[in-house]
Amino acid sequence: MRFVVYGNSMEPTYPSGSKIFVSKLFYKLIKPKVGDAIVLKDPRDGRLILKRVKSIKKNIFRVEGDNHRSSTDSRVFGEINKEHIIGKAILKY
């Protein structure tokens, strides 16, 4: 699936306007790992957002933006479960 990054929460890795390809199948075969950039459903409103996995405990994920000063992430909405994860960002083009 194609995804366009809006906002600067993932800068400098993914500046606003970056286009990425997200694999929805990747995590059907392999478990998410710390450091993965993932697209997930925001648990507050369901919109799709890009964040990085910071920690995993028993299939509960803490996610944060690369730009900590400008990111709404697990520090705001809490940890997420695997059902919130849409896929892994595998290619920026």
PDB file of N, CA and C in Angstrom:
ATOM      1  N   MET A   1       0.844  -1.168   0.000  1.00  0.00           N
ATOM      2  CA  MET A   1       0.000   0.000   0.000  1.00  0.00           C
ATOM      3  C   MET A   1       0.892   1.235   0.000  1.00  0.00           C
ATOM      4  N   ARG A   2       0.448   2.285  -0.675  1.00  0.00           N
ATOM      5  CA  ARG A   2       1.193   3.548  -0.684  1.00  0.00           C
ATOM      6  C   ARG A   2       0.698   4.443   0.444  1.00  0.00           C
ATOM      7  N   PHE A   3       1.629   5.231   0.990  1.00  0.00           N
ATOM      8  CA  PHE A   3       1.311   6.099   2.119  1.00  0.00           C
ATOM      9  C   PHE A   3       2.117   7.377   1.970  1.00  0.00           C
ATOM     10  N   VAL A   4       1.480   8.512   2.209  1.00  0.00           N
ATOM     11  CA  VAL A   4       2.172   9.807   2.169  1.00  0.00           C
ATOM     12  C   VAL A   4       2.267  10.329   3.596  1.00  0.00           C
ATOM     13  N   VAL A   5       3.476  10.713   3.989  1.00  0.00           N
ATOM     14  CA  VAL A   5       3.726  11.227   5.334  1.00  0.00           C
ATOM     15  C   VAL A   5       3.274  12.681   5.410  1.00  0.00           C
ATOM     16  N   TYR A   6       2.457  12.986   6.409  1.00  0.00           N
ATOM     17  CA  TYR A   6       2.045  14.364   6.667  1.00  0.00           C
ATOM     18  C   TYR A   6       2.526  14.744   8.058  1.00  0.00           C
ATOM     19  N   GLY A   7       3.109  15.905   8.187  1.00  0.00           N
ATOM     20  CA  GLY A   7       3.626  16.353   9.472  1.00  0.00           C
ATOM     21  C   GLY A   7       5.105  16.030   9.612  1.00  0.00           C
ATOM     22  N   ASN A   8       5.700  16.543  10.670  1.00  0.00           N
ATOM     23  CA  ASN A   8       7.146  16.389  10.828  1.00  0.00           C
ATOM     24  C   ASN A   8       7.539  15.483  11.988  1.00  0.00           C
ATOM     25  N   SER A   9       6.640  14.642  12.455  1.00  0.00           N
ATOM     26  CA  SER A   9       6.940  13.787  13.604  1.00  0.00           C
ATOM     27  C   SER A   9       7.984  12.713  13.315  1.00  0.00           C
ATOM     28  N   MET A  10       8.211  12.396  12.042  1.00  0.00           N
ATOM     29  CA  MET A  10       9.193  11.362  11.704  1.00  0.00           C
ATOM     30  C   MET A  10      10.438  11.932  11.029  1.00  0.00           C
ATOM     31  N   GLU A  11      10.598  13.259  11.078  1.00  0.00           N
ATOM     32  CA  GLU A  11      11.818  13.865  10.525  1.00  0.00           C
ATOM     33  C   GLU A  11      13.002  13.529  11.411  1.00  0.00           C
ATOM     34  N   PRO A  12      14.192  13.402  10.894  1.00  0.00           N
ATOM     35  CA  PRO A  12      14.576  13.675   9.515  1.00  0.00           C
ATOM     36  C   PRO A  12      14.420  12.479   8.579  1.00  0.00           C
ATOM     37  N   THR A  13      14.102  11.302   9.112  1.00  0.00           N
ATOM     38  CA  THR A  13      14.050  10.099   8.278  1.00  0.00           C
ATOM     39  C   THR A  13      12.967  10.170   7.218  1.00  0.00           C
ATOM     40  N   TYR A  14      11.784  10.606   7.611  1.00  0.00           N
ATOM     41  CA  TYR A  14      10.641  10.697   6.710  1.00  0.00           C
ATOM     42  C   TYR A  14      10.047  12.098   6.790  1.00  0.00           C
ATOM     43  N   PRO A  15      10.578  13.049   6.011  1.00  0.00           N
ATOM     44  CA  PRO A  15      10.031  14.414   6.031  1.00  0.00           C
ATOM     45  C   PRO A  15       8.588  14.441   5.516  1.00  0.00           C
ATOM     46  N   SER A  16       7.852  15.457   5.905  1.00  0.00           N
ATOM     47  CA  SER A  16       6.489  15.627   5.426  1.00  0.00           C
ATOM     48  C   SER A  16       6.483  15.619   3.900  1.00  0.00           C
ATOM     49  N   GLY A  17       5.562  14.873   3.327  1.00  0.00           N
ATOM     50  CA  GLY A  17       5.479  14.735   1.878  1.00  0.00           C
ATOM     51  C   GLY A  17       6.172  13.491   1.349  1.00  0.00           C
ATOM     52  N   SER A  18       6.940  12.812   2.199  1.00  0.00           N
ATOM     53  CA  SER A  18       7.606  11.576   1.766  1.00  0.00           C
ATOM     54  C   SER A  18       6.562  10.544   1.371  1.00  0.00           C
ATOM     55  N   LYS A  19       6.873   9.815   0.327  1.00  0.00           N
ATOM     56  CA  LYS A  19       6.003   8.730  -0.105  1.00  0.00           C
ATOM     57  C   LYS A  19       6.689   7.428   0.273  1.00  0.00           C
ATOM     58  N   ILE A  20       5.926   6.536   0.891  1.00  0.00           N
ATOM     59  CA  ILE A  20       6.494   5.255   1.295  1.00  0.00           C
ATOM     60  C   ILE A  20       5.580   4.123   0.857  1.00  0.00           C
ATOM     61  N   PHE A  21       6.186   2.963   0.690  1.00  0.00           N
ATOM     62  CA  PHE A  21       5.418   1.751   0.431  1.00  0.00           C
ATOM     63  C   PHE A  21       5.362   0.968   1.733  1.00  0.00           C
ATOM     64  N   VAL A  22       4.171   0.542   2.091  1.00  0.00           N
ATOM     65  CA  VAL A  22       3.942  -0.179   3.340  1.00  0.00           C
ATOM     66  C   VAL A  22       3.484  -1.595   3.007  1.00  0.00           C
ATOM     67  N   SER A  23       4.173  -2.585   3.564  1.00  0.00           N
ATOM     68  CA  SER A  23       3.789  -3.977   3.362  1.00  0.00           C
ATOM     69  C   SER A  23       2.819  -4.412   4.448  1.00  0.00           C
ATOM     70  N   LYS A  24       1.606  -4.761   4.034  1.00  0.00           N
ATOM     71  CA  LYS A  24       0.617  -5.277   4.978  1.00  0.00           C
ATOM     72  C   LYS A  24       0.875  -6.750   5.295  1.00  0.00           C
ATOM     73  N   LEU A  25       1.609  -7.432   4.429  1.00  0.00           N
ATOM     74  CA  LEU A  25       1.860  -8.864   4.606  1.00  0.00           C
ATOM     75  C   LEU A  25       3.074  -9.159   5.472  1.00  0.00           C
ATOM     76  N   PHE A  26       3.989  -8.214   5.596  1.00  0.00           N
ATOM     77  CA  PHE A  26       5.265  -8.438   6.274  1.00  0.00           C
ATOM     78  C   PHE A  26       5.074  -9.041   7.666  1.00  0.00           C
ATOM     79  N   TYR A  27       4.179  -8.469   8.449  1.00  0.00           N
ATOM     80  CA  TYR A  27       4.002  -8.928   9.825  1.00  0.00           C
ATOM     81  C   TYR A  27       3.093 -10.148   9.946  1.00  0.00           C
ATOM     82  N   LYS A  28       2.608 -10.646   8.840  1.00  0.00           N
ATOM     83  CA  LYS A  28       1.922 -11.938   8.851  1.00  0.00           C
ATOM     84  C   LYS A  28       2.961 -13.059   8.924  1.00  0.00           C
ATOM     85  N   LEU A  29       4.194 -12.748   8.461  1.00  0.00           N
ATOM     86  CA  LEU A  29       5.267 -13.741   8.415  1.00  0.00           C
ATOM     87  C   LEU A  29       6.313 -13.542   9.501  1.00  0.00           C
ATOM     88  N   ILE A  30       6.577 -12.292   9.858  1.00  0.00           N
ATOM     89  CA  ILE A  30       7.653 -11.941  10.788  1.00  0.00           C
ATOM     90  C   ILE A  30       7.084 -11.005  11.849  1.00  0.00           C
ATOM     91  N   LYS A  31       7.540 -11.168  13.081  1.00  0.00           N
ATOM     92  CA  LYS A  31       7.073 -10.298  14.164  1.00  0.00           C
ATOM     93  C   LYS A  31       7.714  -8.919  14.059  1.00  0.00           C
ATOM     94  N   PRO A  32       6.984  -7.875  14.432  1.00  0.00           N
ATOM     95  CA  PRO A  32       7.581  -6.532  14.470  1.00  0.00           C
ATOM     96  C   PRO A  32       8.771  -6.505  15.425  1.00  0.00           C
ATOM     97  N   LYS A  33       9.751  -5.658  15.088  1.00  0.00           N
ATOM     98  CA  LYS A  33      10.962  -5.536  15.896  1.00  0.00           C
ATOM     99  C   LYS A  33      11.153  -4.090  16.330  1.00  0.00           C
ATOM    100  N   VAL A  34      11.868  -3.922  17.437  1.00  0.00           N
ATOM    101  CA  VAL A  34      12.240  -2.583  17.881  1.00  0.00           C
ATOM    102  C   VAL A  34      13.042  -1.923  16.763  1.00  0.00           C
ATOM    103  N   GLY A  35      12.699  -0.692  16.441  1.00  0.00           N
ATOM    104  CA  GLY A  35      13.367   0.046  15.374  1.00  0.00           C
ATOM    105  C   GLY A  35      12.602   0.069  14.063  1.00  0.00           C
ATOM    106  N   ASP A  36      11.618  -0.812  13.898  1.00  0.00           N
ATOM    107  CA  ASP A  36      10.819  -0.823  12.671  1.00  0.00           C
ATOM    108  C   ASP A  36       9.985   0.452  12.569  1.00  0.00           C
ATOM    109  N   ALA A  37       9.895   0.995  11.364  1.00  0.00           N
ATOM    110  CA  ALA A  37       8.960   2.083  11.069  1.00  0.00           C
ATOM    111  C   ALA A  37       7.666   1.422  10.615  1.00  0.00           C
ATOM    112  N   ILE A  38       6.571   1.766  11.288  1.00  0.00           N
ATOM    113  CA  ILE A  38       5.295   1.110  11.010  1.00  0.00           C
ATOM    114  C   ILE A  38       4.192   2.135  10.774  1.00  0.00           C
ATOM    115  N   VAL A  39       3.215   1.719   9.985  1.00  0.00           N
ATOM    116  CA  VAL A  39       1.982   2.489   9.854  1.00  0.00           C
ATOM    117  C   VAL A  39       0.965   1.799  10.751  1.00  0.00           C
ATOM    118  N   LEU A  40       0.288   2.602  11.563  1.00  0.00           N
ATOM    119  CA  LEU A  40      -0.677   2.068  12.510  1.00  0.00           C
ATOM    120  C   LEU A  40      -1.912   2.947  12.552  1.00  0.00           C
ATOM    121  N   LYS A  41      -2.974   2.389  13.109  1.00  0.00           N
ATOM    122  CA  LYS A  41      -4.191   3.171  13.344  1.00  0.00           C
ATOM    123  C   LYS A  41      -4.021   3.901  14.665  1.00  0.00           C
ATOM    124  N   ASP A  42      -4.178   5.208  14.627  1.00  0.00           N
ATOM    125  CA  ASP A  42      -4.143   6.001  15.851  1.00  0.00           C
ATOM    126  C   ASP A  42      -5.272   5.490  16.750  1.00  0.00           C
ATOM    127  N   PRO A  43      -4.957   5.036  17.971  1.00  0.00           N
ATOM    128  CA  PRO A  43      -6.008   4.474  18.825  1.00  0.00           C
ATOM    129  C   PRO A  43      -7.078   5.477  19.246  1.00  0.00           C
ATOM    130  N   ARG A  44      -6.819   6.760  19.066  1.00  0.00           N
ATOM    131  CA  ARG A  44      -7.798   7.779  19.450  1.00  0.00           C
ATOM    132  C   ARG A  44      -8.859   8.003  18.392  1.00  0.00           C
ATOM    133  N   ASP A  45      -8.454   7.985  17.111  1.00  0.00           N
ATOM    134  CA  ASP A  45      -9.423   8.326  16.063  1.00  0.00           C
ATOM    135  C   ASP A  45      -9.355   7.437  14.821  1.00  0.00           C
ATOM    136  N   GLY A  46      -8.446   6.467  14.806  1.00  0.00           N
ATOM    137  CA  GLY A  46      -8.383   5.515  13.706  1.00  0.00           C
ATOM    138  C   GLY A  46      -7.645   5.972  12.464  1.00  0.00           C
ATOM    139  N   ARG A  47      -7.166   7.225  12.444  1.00  0.00           N
ATOM    140  CA  ARG A  47      -6.433   7.664  11.246  1.00  0.00           C
ATOM    141  C   ARG A  47      -5.079   6.960  11.193  1.00  0.00           C
ATOM    142  N   LEU A  48      -4.532   6.845   9.991  1.00  0.00           N
ATOM    143  CA  LEU A  48      -3.257   6.157   9.811  1.00  0.00           C
ATOM    144  C   LEU A  48      -2.098   7.102  10.085  1.00  0.00           C
ATOM    145  N   ILE A  49      -1.124   6.622  10.863  1.00  0.00           N
ATOM    146  CA  ILE A  49       0.054   7.410  11.217  1.00  0.00           C
ATOM    147  C   ILE A  49       1.302   6.539  11.098  1.00  0.00           C
ATOM    148  N   LEU A  50       2.438   7.193  10.918  1.00  0.00           N
ATOM    149  CA  LEU A  50       3.731   6.510  10.819  1.00  0.00           C
ATOM    150  C   LEU A  50       4.518   6.772  12.092  1.00  0.00           C
ATOM    151  N   LYS A  51       4.989   5.709  12.733  1.00  0.00           N
ATOM    152  CA  LYS A  51       5.794   5.821  13.952  1.00  0.00           C
ATOM    153  C   LYS A  51       6.847   4.712  13.952  1.00  0.00           C
ATOM    154  N   ARG A  52       7.743   4.776  14.930  1.00  0.00           N
ATOM    155  CA  ARG A  52       8.791   3.771  15.067  1.00  0.00           C
ATOM    156  C   ARG A  52       8.548   2.964  16.349  1.00  0.00           C
ATOM    157  N   VAL A  53       8.745   1.645  16.255  1.00  0.00           N
ATOM    158  CA  VAL A  53       8.601   0.777  17.421  1.00  0.00           C
ATOM    159  C   VAL A  53       9.782   1.027  18.357  1.00  0.00           C
ATOM    160  N   LYS A  54       9.488   1.406  19.595  1.00  0.00           N
ATOM    161  CA  LYS A  54      10.532   1.686  20.594  1.00  0.00           C
ATOM    162  C   LYS A  54      10.717   0.544  21.573  1.00  0.00           C
ATOM    163  N   SER A  55       9.647  -0.167  21.905  1.00  0.00           N
ATOM    164  CA  SER A  55       9.771  -1.322  22.796  1.00  0.00           C
ATOM    165  C   SER A  55       8.580  -2.248  22.590  1.00  0.00           C
ATOM    166  N   ILE A  56       8.804  -3.515  22.944  1.00  0.00           N
ATOM    167  CA  ILE A  56       7.763  -4.538  22.814  1.00  0.00           C
ATOM    168  C   ILE A  56       7.767  -5.365  24.097  1.00  0.00           C
ATOM    169  N   LYS A  57       6.585  -5.522  24.680  1.00  0.00           N
ATOM    170  CA  LYS A  57       6.429  -6.376  25.859  1.00  0.00           C
ATOM    171  C   LYS A  57       5.153  -7.180  25.691  1.00  0.00           C
ATOM    172  N   LYS A  58       5.303  -8.486  25.466  1.00  0.00           N
ATOM    173  CA  LYS A  58       4.147  -9.387  25.343  1.00  0.00           C
ATOM    174  C   LYS A  58       3.125  -8.886  24.325  1.00  0.00           C
ATOM    175  N   ASN A  59       3.581  -8.578  23.134  1.00  0.00           N
ATOM    176  CA  ASN A  59       2.727  -8.100  22.038  1.00  0.00           C
ATOM    177  C   ASN A  59       2.054  -6.763  22.312  1.00  0.00           C
ATOM    178  N   ILE A  60       2.624  -5.974  23.217  1.00  0.00           N
ATOM    179  CA  ILE A  60       2.204  -4.596  23.455  1.00  0.00           C
ATOM    180  C   ILE A  60       3.360  -3.714  22.998  1.00  0.00           C
ATOM    181  N   PHE A  61       3.055  -2.720  22.170  1.00  0.00           N
ATOM    182  CA  PHE A  61       4.082  -1.930  21.497  1.00  0.00           C
ATOM    183  C   PHE A  61       4.072  -0.477  21.959  1.00  0.00           C
ATOM    184  N   ARG A  62       5.251   0.029  22.231  1.00  0.00           N
ATOM    185  CA  ARG A  62       5.435   1.463  22.488  1.00  0.00           C
ATOM    186  C   ARG A  62       5.991   2.045  21.197  1.00  0.00           C
ATOM    187  N   VAL A  63       5.325   3.066  20.661  1.00  0.00           N
ATOM    188  CA  VAL A  63       5.748   3.683  19.405  1.00  0.00           C
ATOM    189  C   VAL A  63       5.999   5.167  19.625  1.00  0.00           C
ATOM    190  N   GLU A  64       6.992   5.687  18.914  1.00  0.00           N
ATOM    191  CA  GLU A  64       7.324   7.108  19.012  1.00  0.00           C
ATOM    192  C   GLU A  64       7.757   7.616  17.647  1.00  0.00           C
ATOM    193  N   GLY A  65       7.616   8.919  17.462  1.00  0.00           N
ATOM    194  CA  GLY A  65       8.132   9.558  16.264  1.00  0.00           C
ATOM    195  C   GLY A  65       9.621   9.814  16.413  1.00  0.00           C
ATOM    196  N   ASP A  66      10.322   9.903  15.296  1.00  0.00           N
ATOM    197  CA  ASP A  66      11.760  10.194  15.331  1.00  0.00           C
ATOM    198  C   ASP A  66      12.028  11.604  15.847  1.00  0.00           C
ATOM    199  N   ASN A  67      11.110  12.523  15.585  1.00  0.00           N
ATOM    200  CA  ASN A  67      11.228  13.907  16.028  1.00  0.00           C
ATOM    201  C   ASN A  67      10.411  14.055  17.317  1.00  0.00           C
ATOM    202  N   HIS A  68      11.048  13.774  18.444  1.00  0.00           N
ATOM    203  CA  HIS A  68      10.338  13.721  19.727  1.00  0.00           C
ATOM    204  C   HIS A  68       9.635  15.022  20.098  1.00  0.00           C
ATOM    205  N   ARG A  69      10.160  16.145  19.650  1.00  0.00           N
ATOM    206  CA  ARG A  69       9.557  17.436  20.010  1.00  0.00           C
ATOM    207  C   ARG A  69       8.253  17.704  19.274  1.00  0.00           C
ATOM    208  N   SER A  70       8.024  16.952  18.193  1.00  0.00           N
ATOM    209  CA  SER A  70       6.843  17.231  17.378  1.00  0.00           C
ATOM    210  C   SER A  70       6.075  15.955  17.053  1.00  0.00           C
ATOM    211  N   SER A  71       5.949  15.066  18.023  1.00  0.00           N
ATOM    212  CA  SER A  71       5.299  13.793  17.752  1.00  0.00           C
ATOM    213  C   SER A  71       4.229  13.484  18.791  1.00  0.00           C
ATOM    214  N   THR A  72       3.067  13.108  18.291  1.00  0.00           N
ATOM    215  CA  THR A  72       2.020  12.561  19.142  1.00  0.00           C
ATOM    216  C   THR A  72       2.129  11.053  19.011  1.00  0.00           C
ATOM    217  N   ASP A  73       2.462  10.388  20.095  1.00  0.00           N
ATOM    218  CA  ASP A  73       2.784   8.964  20.035  1.00  0.00           C
ATOM    219  C   ASP A  73       2.403   8.285  21.342  1.00  0.00           C
ATOM    220  N   SER A  74       3.042   7.173  21.676  1.00  0.00           N
ATOM    221  CA  SER A  74       2.698   6.431  22.897  1.00  0.00           C
ATOM    222  C   SER A  74       2.849   7.258  24.163  1.00  0.00           C
ATOM    223  N   ARG A  75       3.628   8.306  24.107  1.00  0.00           N
ATOM    224  CA  ARG A  75       3.747   9.192  25.267  1.00  0.00           C
ATOM    225  C   ARG A  75       2.438   9.937  25.515  1.00  0.00           C
ATOM    226  N   VAL A  76       1.594  10.021  24.477  1.00  0.00           N
ATOM    227  CA  VAL A  76       0.296  10.702  24.578  1.00  0.00           C
ATOM    228  C   VAL A  76      -0.846   9.690  24.639  1.00  0.00           C
ATOM    229  N   PHE A  77      -0.893   8.752  23.674  1.00  0.00           N
ATOM    230  CA  PHE A  77      -2.033   7.840  23.588  1.00  0.00           C
ATOM    231  C   PHE A  77      -1.784   6.465  24.187  1.00  0.00           C
ATOM    232  N   GLY A  78      -0.610   6.237  24.750  1.00  0.00           N
ATOM    233  CA  GLY A  78      -0.323   4.952  25.386  1.00  0.00           C
ATOM    234  C   GLY A  78       0.194   3.914  24.408  1.00  0.00           C
ATOM    235  N   GLU A  79       0.451   2.746  24.947  1.00  0.00           N
ATOM    236  CA  GLU A  79       0.954   1.647  24.128  1.00  0.00           C
ATOM    237  C   GLU A  79      -0.179   1.084  23.279  1.00  0.00           C
ATOM    238  N   ILE A  80       0.207   0.374  22.221  1.00  0.00           N
ATOM    239  CA  ILE A  80      -0.783  -0.192  21.299  1.00  0.00           C
ATOM    240  C   ILE A  80      -0.624  -1.702  21.249  1.00  0.00           C
ATOM    241  N   ASN A  81      -1.649  -2.370  20.743  1.00  0.00           N
ATOM    242  CA  ASN A  81      -1.517  -3.811  20.524  1.00  0.00           C
ATOM    243  C   ASN A  81      -1.347  -4.073  19.031  1.00  0.00           C
ATOM    244  N   LYS A  82      -1.060  -5.309  18.692  1.00  0.00           N
ATOM    245  CA  LYS A  82      -0.741  -5.657  17.300  1.00  0.00           C
ATOM    246  C   LYS A  82      -1.897  -5.353  16.341  1.00  0.00           C
ATOM    247  N   GLU A  83      -3.108  -5.373  16.838  1.00  0.00           N
ATOM    248  CA  GLU A  83      -4.266  -5.109  15.975  1.00  0.00           C
ATOM    249  C   GLU A  83      -4.260  -3.691  15.410  1.00  0.00           C
ATOM    250  N   HIS A  84      -3.550  -2.777  16.056  1.00  0.00           N
ATOM    251  CA  HIS A  84      -3.448  -1.406  15.550  1.00  0.00           C
ATOM    252  C   HIS A  84      -2.464  -1.280  14.383  1.00  0.00           C
ATOM    253  N   ILE A  85      -1.567  -2.255  14.237  1.00  0.00           N
ATOM    254  CA  ILE A  85      -0.511  -2.164  13.223  1.00  0.00           C
ATOM    255  C   ILE A  85      -1.057  -2.551  11.853  1.00  0.00           C
ATOM    256  N   ILE A  86      -0.864  -1.670  10.880  1.00  0.00           N
ATOM    257  CA  ILE A  86      -1.286  -1.920   9.501  1.00  0.00           C
ATOM    258  C   ILE A  86      -0.181  -2.624   8.725  1.00  0.00           C
ATOM    259  N   GLY A  87       1.060  -2.151   8.865  1.00  0.00           N
ATOM    260  CA  GLY A  87       2.160  -2.768   8.129  1.00  0.00           C
ATOM    261  C   GLY A  87       3.481  -2.070   8.374  1.00  0.00           C
ATOM    262  N   LYS A  88       4.507  -2.593   7.736  1.00  0.00           N
ATOM    263  CA  LYS A  88       5.866  -2.079   7.879  1.00  0.00           C
ATOM    264  C   LYS A  88       6.214  -1.172   6.703  1.00  0.00           C
ATOM    265  N   ALA A  89       6.815  -0.025   7.018  1.00  0.00           N
ATOM    266  CA  ALA A  89       7.332   0.860   5.965  1.00  0.00           C
ATOM    267  C   ALA A  89       8.588   0.200   5.406  1.00  0.00           C
ATOM    268  N   ILE A  90       8.553  -0.175   4.129  1.00  0.00           N
ATOM    269  CA  ILE A  90       9.697  -0.904   3.580  1.00  0.00           C
ATOM    270  C   ILE A  90      10.438  -0.148   2.485  1.00  0.00           C
ATOM    271  N   LEU A  91       9.832   0.915   1.952  1.00  0.00           N
ATOM    272  CA  LEU A  91      10.492   1.634   0.860  1.00  0.00           C
ATOM    273  C   LEU A  91      10.032   3.084   0.842  1.00  0.00           C
ATOM    274  N   LYS A  92      10.990   3.990   0.812  1.00  0.00           N
ATOM    275  CA  LYS A  92      10.676   5.415   0.633  1.00  0.00           C
ATOM    276  C   LYS A  92      11.044   5.757  -0.798  1.00  0.00           C
ATOM    277  N   TYR A  93      10.119   6.398  -1.524  1.00  0.00           N
ATOM    278  CA  TYR A  93      10.403   6.727  -2.927  1.00  0.00           C
ATOM    279  C   TYR A  93      10.001   8.142  -3.253  1.00  0.00           C
TER     280      TYR A  93
END
